[in-house]
Amino acid sequence: MPTELDLAYLAGIIDGEGCITAFSRADSSRGVRLSLSVAMCGLPVIEWLASTFPAGRMYEKYATIIKRNGWRRCWIFIATDRQAVDILT
């Protein structure tokens, strides 16, 4: 179970690098979808998120870095719907 310090650290990560999204499902009768994601090029923080909040999952992605005219390895931590609610509450 995350400590109070873990939750404070999570709040800072979401504020700086994260995104919380709520949107309608294609079938509007099913309500709203919720998504929590954090994308970073530094793996240690994403690994910490995945181990501290196992409701989410992490995966690797390559992102375009315009200044360098190339690709950079990045990681994403994502939790959707009930898993996002569990992390955020």
C-alpha atoms as a PDB file:
ATOM      1  CA  MET A   1       0.000   0.000   0.000  1.00  0.00           C
ATOM      2  CA  PRO A   2       1.423   3.404  -0.931  1.00  0.00           C
ATOM      3  CA  THR A   3       2.555   5.618   1.920  1.00  0.00           C
ATOM      4  CA  GLU A   4       1.595   9.254   2.344  1.00  0.00           C
ATOM      5  CA  LEU A   5       5.026  10.166   0.968  1.00  0.00           C
ATOM      6  CA  ASP A   6       4.416   7.941  -2.103  1.00  0.00           C
ATOM      7  CA  LEU A   7       1.119   9.712  -2.750  1.00  0.00           C
ATOM      8  CA  ALA A   8       2.758  13.130  -2.436  1.00  0.00           C
ATOM      9  CA  TYR A   9       5.485  12.061  -4.881  1.00  0.00           C
ATOM     10  CA  LEU A  10       2.811  10.725  -7.275  1.00  0.00           C
ATOM     11  CA  ALA A  11       1.008  14.085  -7.138  1.00  0.00           C
ATOM     12  CA  GLY A  12       4.210  15.878  -8.137  1.00  0.00           C
ATOM     13  CA  ILE A  13       4.919  13.441 -10.968  1.00  0.00           C
ATOM     14  CA  ILE A  14       1.379  13.797 -12.342  1.00  0.00           C
ATOM     15  CA  ASP A  15       1.594  17.584 -12.038  1.00  0.00           C
ATOM     16  CA  GLY A  16       4.878  17.732 -13.924  1.00  0.00           C
ATOM     17  CA  GLU A  17       4.811  14.813 -16.368  1.00  0.00           C
ATOM     18  CA  GLY A  18       1.360  13.270 -16.170  1.00  0.00           C
ATOM     19  CA  CYS A  19      -2.044  13.523 -17.726  1.00  0.00           C
ATOM     20  CA  ILE A  20      -5.480  12.702 -16.327  1.00  0.00           C
ATOM     21  CA  THR A  21      -8.138  12.378 -19.022  1.00  0.00           C
ATOM     22  CA  ALA A  22     -11.866  11.733 -18.848  1.00  0.00           C
ATOM     23  CA  PHE A  23     -13.799  11.167 -22.053  1.00  0.00           C
ATOM     24  CA  SER A  24     -17.079   9.698 -23.264  1.00  0.00           C
ATOM     25  CA  ARG A  25     -17.127   6.139 -24.485  1.00  0.00           C
ATOM     26  CA  ALA A  26     -18.221   5.452 -28.043  1.00  0.00           C
ATOM     27  CA  ASP A  27     -21.428   4.004 -26.603  1.00  0.00           C
ATOM     28  CA  SER A  28     -22.505   6.945 -24.434  1.00  0.00           C
ATOM     29  CA  SER A  29     -24.780   4.740 -22.359  1.00  0.00           C
ATOM     30  CA  ARG A  30     -21.686   3.176 -20.778  1.00  0.00           C
ATOM     31  CA  GLY A  31     -20.533   6.392 -19.118  1.00  0.00           C
ATOM     32  CA  VAL A  32     -17.098   7.979 -19.017  1.00  0.00           C
ATOM     33  CA  ARG A  33     -13.609   6.527 -19.412  1.00  0.00           C
ATOM     34  CA  LEU A  34     -10.789   7.688 -17.185  1.00  0.00           C
ATOM     35  CA  SER A  35      -7.102   7.507 -17.998  1.00  0.00           C
ATOM     36  CA  LEU A  36      -4.020   8.351 -15.939  1.00  0.00           C
ATOM     37  CA  SER A  37      -0.715   8.381 -17.796  1.00  0.00           C
ATOM     38  CA  VAL A  38       2.851   9.476 -17.170  1.00  0.00           C
ATOM     39  CA  ALA A  39       5.400   9.517 -19.981  1.00  0.00           C
ATOM     40  CA  MET A  40       9.108  10.038 -19.342  1.00  0.00           C
ATOM     41  CA  CYS A  41      12.456   9.288 -20.912  1.00  0.00           C
ATOM     42  CA  GLY A  42      13.811   8.323 -17.493  1.00  0.00           C
ATOM     43  CA  LEU A  43      13.046   4.695 -16.671  1.00  0.00           C
ATOM     44  CA  PRO A  44      13.568   4.716 -12.847  1.00  0.00           C
ATOM     45  CA  VAL A  45      10.492   6.856 -12.113  1.00  0.00           C
ATOM     46  CA  ILE A  46       8.275   4.746 -14.390  1.00  0.00           C
ATOM     47  CA  GLU A  47       9.581   1.577 -12.712  1.00  0.00           C
ATOM     48  CA  TRP A  48       8.809   3.120  -9.320  1.00  0.00           C
ATOM     49  CA  LEU A  49       5.256   3.919 -10.451  1.00  0.00           C
ATOM     50  CA  ALA A  50       4.716   0.369 -11.742  1.00  0.00           C
ATOM     51  CA  SER A  51       6.019  -1.219  -8.537  1.00  0.00           C
ATOM     52  CA  THR A  52       4.248   1.169  -6.144  1.00  0.00           C
ATOM     53  CA  PHE A  53       0.940   1.230  -8.046  1.00  0.00           C
ATOM     54  CA  PRO A  54       0.549  -2.243  -9.583  1.00  0.00           C
ATOM     55  CA  ALA A  55      -2.943  -1.362 -10.875  1.00  0.00           C
ATOM     56  CA  GLY A  56      -1.200   0.408 -13.767  1.00  0.00           C
ATOM     57  CA  ARG A  57       1.143  -0.950 -16.408  1.00  0.00           C
ATOM     58  CA  MET A  58       4.281   0.333 -18.087  1.00  0.00           C
ATOM     59  CA  TYR A  59       5.536  -0.017 -21.607  1.00  0.00           C
ATOM     60  CA  GLU A  60       8.282   1.299 -23.828  1.00  0.00           C
ATOM     61  CA  LYS A  61       7.773   3.780 -26.615  1.00  0.00           C
ATOM     62  CA  TYR A  62       9.958   5.810 -28.905  1.00  0.00           C
ATOM     63  CA  ALA A  63       9.215   9.521 -29.116  1.00  0.00           C
ATOM     64  CA  THR A  64      10.320  12.015 -31.699  1.00  0.00           C
ATOM     65  CA  ILE A  65      12.785  14.565 -30.396  1.00  0.00           C
ATOM     66  CA  ILE A  66      12.496  17.505 -32.755  1.00  0.00           C
ATOM     67  CA  LYS A  67      15.642  19.291 -31.565  1.00  0.00           C
ATOM     68  CA  ARG A  68      17.755  16.209 -32.247  1.00  0.00           C
ATOM     69  CA  ASN A  69      15.987  15.150 -35.459  1.00  0.00           C
ATOM     70  CA  GLY A  70      15.654  11.600 -34.240  1.00  0.00           C
ATOM     71  CA  TRP A  71      14.004   9.215 -31.829  1.00  0.00           C
ATOM     72  CA  ARG A  72      14.457   8.825 -28.113  1.00  0.00           C
ATOM     73  CA  ARG A  73      13.526   5.865 -25.984  1.00  0.00           C
ATOM     74  CA  CYS A  74      10.721   6.681 -23.536  1.00  0.00           C
ATOM     75  CA  TRP A  75       8.443   4.812 -21.155  1.00  0.00           C
ATOM     76  CA  ILE A  76       4.806   5.239 -20.260  1.00  0.00           C
ATOM     77  CA  PHE A  77       2.925   4.275 -17.116  1.00  0.00           C
ATOM     78  CA  ILE A  78      -0.824   4.059 -17.706  1.00  0.00           C
ATOM     79  CA  ALA A  79      -3.888   3.137 -15.712  1.00  0.00           C
ATOM     80  CA  THR A  80      -7.406   3.250 -17.096  1.00  0.00           C
ATOM     81  CA  ASP A  81     -10.925   3.230 -15.713  1.00  0.00           C
ATOM     82  CA  ARG A  82     -11.169   1.425 -12.339  1.00  0.00           C
ATOM     83  CA  GLN A  83      -7.384   1.093 -12.023  1.00  0.00           C
ATOM     84  CA  ALA A  84      -6.986   4.877 -12.450  1.00  0.00           C
ATOM     85  CA  VAL A  85      -9.669   5.497  -9.837  1.00  0.00           C
ATOM     86  CA  ASP A  86      -7.931   3.120  -7.431  1.00  0.00           C
ATOM     87  CA  ILE A  87      -4.652   5.023  -7.812  1.00  0.00           C
ATOM     88  CA  LEU A  88      -6.177   8.494  -7.601  1.00  0.00           C
ATOM     89  CA  THR A  89      -8.359   7.891  -4.551  1.00  0.00           C
END
